Protein backbone atom coordinates (compact mmCIF):
# COMPACT_ATOMS: atom_id res chain seq x y z
CA MET A 1 -14.37 -5.37 -23.89
CA ASP A 2 -15.28 -3.00 -21.21
CA LEU A 3 -12.28 -2.22 -19.64
CA VAL A 4 -11.13 0.34 -16.47
CA ILE A 5 -8.03 2.55 -16.84
CA GLY A 6 -6.30 1.50 -13.15
CA ILE A 7 -3.17 3.73 -12.36
CA ASP A 8 -1.65 3.36 -8.93
CA ILE A 9 0.46 6.97 -8.11
CA GLY A 10 3.45 6.33 -6.26
CA GLY A 11 6.81 8.11 -5.21
CA THR A 12 8.88 5.96 -7.15
CA LYS A 13 6.54 4.34 -10.46
CA THR A 14 3.28 5.28 -11.61
CA LYS A 15 1.47 2.11 -12.96
CA ILE A 16 -1.21 1.91 -15.19
CA GLY A 17 -3.06 -0.89 -16.76
CA LEU A 18 -6.51 -2.18 -18.42
CA VAL A 19 -8.97 -4.04 -15.85
CA ASP A 20 -11.84 -6.06 -17.23
CA LYS A 21 -14.45 -6.41 -14.21
CA TYR A 22 -13.58 -9.82 -13.49
CA GLY A 23 -10.01 -8.42 -12.08
CA GLU A 24 -7.96 -9.72 -15.19
CA CYS A 25 -5.19 -6.76 -16.01
CA TYR A 26 -4.65 -6.84 -19.56
CA GLU A 27 -2.02 -3.85 -20.72
CA LYS A 28 0.43 -2.49 -18.74
CA THR A 29 3.10 -0.57 -17.99
CA PHE A 30 4.94 2.10 -15.93
CA PHE A 31 6.88 5.29 -15.80
CA ARG A 32 9.03 6.56 -12.93
CA THR A 33 6.98 9.47 -10.89
CA LYS A 34 10.20 11.80 -9.99
CA GLU A 35 11.13 12.08 -13.87
CA TYR A 36 7.81 14.34 -14.40
CA PRO A 37 8.03 17.21 -11.20
CA ASN A 38 5.77 19.31 -13.33
CA LEU A 39 2.58 18.66 -12.77
CA ASP A 40 1.62 19.31 -16.78
CA SER A 41 4.08 17.22 -17.81
CA TYR A 42 3.03 14.62 -15.65
CA LEU A 43 -0.32 14.59 -16.40
CA ASP A 44 -0.04 14.45 -20.13
CA LYS A 45 2.07 11.45 -19.57
CA ILE A 46 -0.43 9.86 -17.82
CA LYS A 47 -2.61 10.30 -20.68
CA SER A 48 -0.26 9.69 -23.39
CA THR A 49 0.37 5.83 -21.55
CA CYS A 50 -2.92 5.31 -21.11
CA ASP A 51 -3.80 6.10 -25.33
CA GLN A 52 -0.66 3.79 -25.94
CA LEU A 53 -2.07 0.82 -24.06
CA VAL A 54 -5.60 1.56 -25.61
CA GLU A 55 -3.97 1.25 -29.04
CA GLN A 56 -1.76 -1.56 -27.59
CA PHE A 57 -4.99 -3.68 -26.88
CA GLY A 58 -6.70 -2.98 -30.02
CA GLU A 59 -10.28 -1.93 -31.42
CA ASP A 60 -11.91 -3.85 -29.24
CA ALA A 61 -11.12 -1.84 -26.09
CA ASN A 62 -14.77 0.40 -24.64
CA ILE A 63 -12.87 2.17 -22.18
CA ILE A 64 -15.55 3.43 -19.66
CA GLY A 65 -13.46 5.14 -16.66
CA CYS A 66 -10.44 5.49 -14.79
CA GLY A 67 -10.01 4.84 -11.09
CA ILE A 68 -6.56 6.18 -9.46
CA GLY A 69 -5.27 5.32 -6.56
CA ALA A 70 -2.76 7.67 -4.71
CA PRO A 71 -1.29 8.86 -1.21
CA ASN A 72 -3.38 11.57 0.83
CA ALA A 73 -6.02 11.26 -2.01
CA SER A 74 -9.51 12.50 -0.86
CA SER A 75 -12.02 10.48 -2.47
CA LYS A 76 -14.39 12.82 -1.65
CA ASN A 77 -12.43 16.18 -3.09
CA GLY A 78 -10.78 14.36 -6.15
CA THR A 79 -7.60 15.80 -4.55
CA ILE A 80 -4.14 14.26 -3.51
CA GLU A 81 -3.17 16.84 -0.77
CA SER A 82 0.10 17.03 0.66
CA ALA A 83 1.47 13.86 -0.43
CA SER A 84 5.19 13.28 1.50
CA ASN A 85 6.70 10.93 -1.15
CA LEU A 86 5.22 13.44 -4.29
CA ALA A 87 6.64 16.22 -5.92
CA TRP A 88 3.74 18.51 -6.39
CA LYS A 89 2.75 20.05 -3.14
CA GLY A 90 -0.20 21.33 -1.67
CA SER A 91 -3.94 20.28 -2.76
CA VAL A 92 -3.94 18.82 -6.19
CA PRO A 93 -7.04 18.90 -7.67
CA ILE A 94 -5.91 15.80 -10.04
CA VAL A 95 -9.53 14.54 -10.69
CA LYS A 96 -10.37 17.99 -12.49
CA LEU A 97 -7.12 18.14 -14.29
CA LEU A 98 -7.46 14.79 -16.09
CA LYS A 99 -10.77 15.04 -16.94
CA GLN A 100 -9.73 18.01 -18.65
CA ARG A 101 -7.46 15.63 -21.02
CA MET A 102 -9.64 12.14 -20.40
CA ASP A 103 -13.31 12.70 -21.29
CA MET A 104 -14.80 9.71 -18.78
CA PRO A 105 -15.72 8.93 -15.53
CA ILE A 106 -12.77 9.17 -13.04
CA ARG A 107 -12.43 8.76 -8.89
CA ILE A 108 -9.35 8.82 -7.05
CA MET A 109 -9.15 7.29 -3.51
CA ASN A 110 -6.14 6.97 -0.83
CA ASP A 111 -4.11 3.84 -2.50
CA ALA A 112 -5.02 1.29 0.53
CA SER A 113 -8.62 1.95 0.42
CA ALA A 114 -8.31 1.16 -3.17
CA ALA A 115 -6.50 -2.14 -3.17
CA ALA A 116 -9.07 -2.62 0.29
CA LEU A 117 -12.13 -2.50 -2.75
CA GLY A 118 -9.74 -4.40 -5.24
CA GLU A 119 -9.83 -7.57 -2.77
CA MET A 120 -13.71 -7.54 -2.22
CA LEU A 121 -14.16 -7.68 -6.12
CA PHE A 122 -11.00 -9.45 -7.28
CA GLY A 123 -9.25 -10.84 -4.30
CA GLY A 124 -9.24 -12.98 -1.03
CA ALA A 125 -12.25 -11.18 0.66
CA LYS A 126 -15.09 -11.73 -1.70
CA ASP A 127 -17.13 -13.05 0.66
CA MET A 128 -15.87 -11.18 4.06
CA THR A 129 -17.86 -7.99 5.61
CA ASP A 130 -15.18 -7.47 7.97
CA PHE A 131 -11.62 -6.86 6.87
CA ILE A 132 -8.39 -4.69 7.08
CA VAL A 133 -6.30 -4.15 4.10
CA ILE A 134 -2.53 -3.23 5.26
CA THR A 135 -0.35 -2.44 2.19
CA LEU A 136 3.47 -2.77 3.10
CA GLY A 137 5.45 -1.04 0.90
CA THR A 138 7.92 2.67 1.13
CA GLY A 139 5.20 3.70 4.49
CA PHE A 140 1.77 1.55 5.61
CA GLY A 141 -1.05 1.78 4.53
CA ALA A 142 -4.63 0.49 5.38
CA GLY A 143 -8.00 0.30 4.11
CA ILE A 144 -10.85 -0.47 6.47
CA VAL A 145 -14.19 -2.26 5.89
CA ALA A 146 -16.45 -2.82 8.47
CA ASN A 147 -19.96 -4.65 7.95
CA GLY A 148 -19.20 -4.67 4.18
CA GLN A 149 -18.71 -1.14 3.43
CA LEU A 150 -15.31 0.80 2.92
CA ILE A 151 -14.45 3.17 5.35
CA ASP A 152 -13.68 6.37 3.62
CA GLY A 153 -14.43 9.43 6.59
CA PHE A 154 -16.16 12.22 6.40
CA ASP A 155 -13.44 13.99 4.30
CA GLY A 156 -11.83 10.63 2.47
CA PHE A 157 -8.93 10.51 4.72
CA ALA A 158 -9.68 7.65 7.13
CA GLY A 159 -7.36 4.77 7.10
CA GLU A 160 -4.07 6.84 8.03
CA LEU A 161 -3.33 4.14 10.27
CA GLY A 162 0.64 4.47 9.11
CA HIS A 163 0.47 7.79 11.29
CA VAL A 164 -0.62 6.61 14.73
CA ASP A 165 1.90 7.35 17.43
CA MET A 166 3.21 3.82 18.88
CA THR A 167 5.27 5.90 21.39
CA ILE A 168 8.15 3.64 20.65
CA GLY A 169 11.39 4.52 22.41
CA ASP A 170 13.77 6.54 19.51
CA GLY A 171 10.96 8.56 18.35
CA ARG A 172 11.54 7.99 14.45
CA LEU A 173 9.57 10.88 12.24
CA THR A 174 6.77 9.16 9.47
CA GLY A 175 6.59 10.79 6.30
CA LEU A 176 3.81 13.29 7.50
CA GLY A 177 6.35 14.09 10.78
CA VAL A 178 4.23 11.83 13.67
CA LYS A 179 7.16 10.99 15.89
CA GLY A 180 6.92 7.61 16.50
CA GLY A 181 4.85 6.78 14.04
CA LEU A 182 3.91 3.18 13.03
CA GLU A 183 5.21 3.19 9.56
CA ALA A 184 8.57 4.74 10.67
CA TYR A 185 8.71 0.95 12.12
CA VAL A 186 6.72 -1.15 9.65
CA SER A 187 7.26 -0.77 5.96
CA ALA A 188 10.21 -1.39 3.98
CA THR A 189 11.64 1.73 4.91
CA GLY A 190 11.26 0.77 8.44
CA LEU A 191 13.04 -2.49 8.40
CA LYS A 192 16.43 -0.61 6.79
CA ARG A 193 16.11 1.62 9.80
CA THR A 194 16.35 -0.78 12.34
CA VAL A 195 18.93 -3.11 10.72
CA MET A 196 21.36 0.14 11.09
CA TYR A 197 19.59 0.07 14.72
CA MET A 198 20.20 -3.17 15.76
CA GLN A 199 23.84 -2.94 14.24
CA SER A 200 24.40 0.22 16.73
CA LYS A 201 22.42 -2.11 19.82
CA TYR A 202 24.17 -5.45 19.39
CA MET A 203 28.05 -6.10 18.92
CA VAL A 204 27.85 -9.19 16.38
CA GLU A 205 29.33 -10.10 12.76
CA SER A 206 27.03 -8.60 10.17
CA ARG A 207 27.15 -8.57 6.36
CA PHE A 208 25.51 -5.38 6.87
CA ARG A 209 28.63 -3.85 8.70
CA ASN A 210 29.95 -3.03 5.21
CA ILE A 211 27.05 -1.81 3.72
CA ALA A 212 25.58 1.96 3.52
CA TYR A 213 21.89 2.59 4.12
CA ASN A 214 21.36 4.16 0.77
CA ASP A 215 22.86 0.94 -0.86
CA LEU A 216 21.01 -1.22 1.83
CA HIS A 217 17.84 -2.90 -0.06
CA GLY A 218 14.74 -5.15 1.61
CA GLU A 219 16.17 -8.36 -0.55
CA ASP A 220 19.14 -8.13 0.83
CA ILE A 221 17.76 -8.04 4.14
CA THR A 222 15.89 -11.17 3.39
CA LYS A 223 18.78 -13.56 2.10
CA ALA A 224 20.61 -12.26 5.00
CA ALA A 225 17.61 -13.77 7.33
CA GLU A 226 18.13 -17.17 5.30
CA GLU A 227 21.85 -17.07 5.77
CA GLY A 228 21.57 -16.72 9.26
CA ASP A 229 22.16 -13.29 9.69
CA GLU A 230 21.47 -12.36 13.47
CA ILE A 231 21.06 -8.47 13.03
CA ALA A 232 18.77 -9.37 9.99
CA LEU A 233 16.90 -12.09 12.28
CA LYS A 234 16.57 -9.32 15.42
CA ALA A 235 15.48 -6.53 12.41
CA PHE A 236 12.48 -8.92 11.15
CA ASP A 237 11.05 -9.72 14.69
CA TYR A 238 11.67 -5.78 16.06
CA THR A 239 9.23 -5.16 12.92
CA ALA A 240 6.95 -8.09 13.35
CA ARG A 241 6.51 -7.20 17.39
CA ILE A 242 5.78 -3.26 16.97
CA MET A 243 3.39 -4.33 13.78
CA ALA A 244 1.85 -7.34 16.07
CA GLN A 245 1.20 -4.82 18.67
CA ALA A 246 -0.64 -2.49 16.72
CA LEU A 247 -2.55 -5.00 14.36
CA ALA A 248 -4.21 -6.11 18.16
CA ASN A 249 -5.32 -2.37 18.45
CA PHE A 250 -6.57 -2.24 15.44
CA THR A 251 -8.70 -5.26 15.82
CA ALA A 252 -10.39 -3.64 18.72
CA PHE A 253 -12.17 -0.94 16.33
CA THR A 254 -13.99 -3.23 13.95
CA GLN A 255 -13.05 -6.46 14.64
CA PRO A 256 -12.15 -7.52 11.13
CA GLU A 257 -12.11 -11.09 10.51
CA ALA A 258 -8.88 -10.57 8.50
CA PHE A 259 -5.52 -8.31 8.01
CA ILE A 260 -4.78 -8.87 4.22
CA LEU A 261 -1.15 -8.10 3.82
CA MET A 262 0.24 -6.49 0.33
CA GLY A 263 3.22 -5.04 -0.82
CA GLY A 264 7.33 -4.89 -0.57
CA LEU A 265 7.49 -6.26 2.84
CA THR A 266 5.55 -9.22 2.51
CA ASN A 267 7.73 -10.76 0.01
CA SER A 268 9.77 -11.52 3.15
CA GLY A 269 8.05 -14.23 3.56
CA LYS A 270 8.48 -16.38 6.56
CA TRP A 271 11.14 -14.34 8.06
CA ILE A 272 7.86 -11.27 8.80
CA MET A 273 5.35 -13.56 8.80
CA THR A 274 6.50 -16.43 11.62
CA PRO A 275 7.38 -13.58 14.08
CA LEU A 276 4.23 -11.40 13.34
CA GLU A 277 1.74 -14.95 13.54
CA LYS A 278 3.97 -15.87 17.36
CA TYR A 279 3.39 -12.12 18.59
CA PHE A 280 -0.11 -10.81 17.28
CA ASN A 281 -1.99 -13.68 19.14
CA GLY A 282 -0.14 -12.96 22.29
CA PHE A 283 -1.30 -8.90 22.08
CA LEU A 284 -4.87 -9.55 21.50
CA LEU A 285 -7.68 -9.65 24.21
CA ASP A 286 -9.03 -12.59 24.65
CA VAL A 287 -12.07 -12.36 23.23
CA TYR A 288 -10.60 -11.93 19.93
CA LYS A 289 -7.93 -14.71 20.21
CA GLY A 290 -8.11 -17.06 17.51
CA LYS A 291 -10.61 -15.47 15.25
CA VAL A 292 -8.34 -12.90 13.34
CA LYS A 293 -6.62 -14.49 9.99
CA LEU A 294 -3.47 -12.92 9.06
CA MET A 295 -3.26 -13.32 4.71
CA HIS A 296 -1.63 -12.29 1.95
CA SER A 297 -3.51 -10.28 -1.07
CA GLY A 298 -5.94 -12.72 -3.27
CA MET A 299 -4.71 -10.28 -5.80
CA GLN A 300 -1.81 -10.74 -8.34
CA GLY A 301 1.67 -9.24 -6.62
CA LYS A 302 2.73 -7.37 -9.78
CA THR A 303 -0.98 -5.71 -10.85
CA ALA A 304 -2.74 -5.85 -7.25
CA ALA A 305 -2.48 -1.96 -7.14
CA ILE A 306 -3.49 -1.42 -10.73
CA CYS A 307 -6.23 -3.38 -10.55
CA GLY A 308 -7.30 -2.22 -6.81
CA ALA A 309 -7.79 1.34 -8.72
CA ALA A 310 -9.65 -0.04 -11.30
CA ALA A 311 -12.41 -1.35 -8.62
CA LEU A 312 -13.37 2.35 -7.90
CA ILE A 313 -14.76 2.30 -11.39
CA TRP A 314 -16.07 -1.74 -11.23
CA GLU A 315 -17.77 -0.91 -7.86
CA LYS A 316 -19.91 1.71 -9.21
CA THR A 317 -21.25 -0.65 -11.78
CA ASN A 318 -22.18 -3.76 -10.25
């Protein structure tokens, strides 16, 4: 069976799986990225993990290539450039170094752009020519498809919409140091910071008053919203309003048929989606109202990032 190795490099976890041409992920696993601050040790770990997965699959595995989704990745140069959430700084020629360990075609791309390819090949955008994938995890990523083509950019860095300056009051810094940047507000991390901000602004009772920032998790905020906690509800509303304004602005760039949302923050369900839908159409220009859908990813949640990475290779075989 022809299979592609899909690798999703994240600041917390590196996820690896074997993906067929239909987007079915077979053997999969992960390891903690931060446990390998030395680049050579990290790449050796990738190689040994891939070998283990192929062995587990059995003799029928024919590996035709490896696709990688990563933050600050240049598809044109095969590098990761100064990613704020990774230990290796500067320009990391990861494709060149991996090819020294794995004799196969290897491609890398910004993780959100890879997710957009995955949605086109395997997910909810199979029949779309214009859409934007939004990844809402530790940060805010975007993969943009217009006229059926992924917008990759001159140097492979298109879609860094999380670092657009929203000129929001308290001017939080994004991971790349952009003051007032979108991802500092609309991300799992941004939601936690907003909970703390809301506690300073409103003197209402809340379960979060006895929880330190480092002990706060996104699931806690969702659970509190379900219980009617006013701080949680205000935090979700604030986050959704900023996100709605940003998506309305992005609509004017390419007029997407849909925004496809994926990542940890989307697991909050109606607490983020209901206010987002309420505000979104209010911010849109009249010519766009009622035409742009807000959708969840059509790829399986736990393997979406792996399948998106694998799509970098499968795209070239179709």
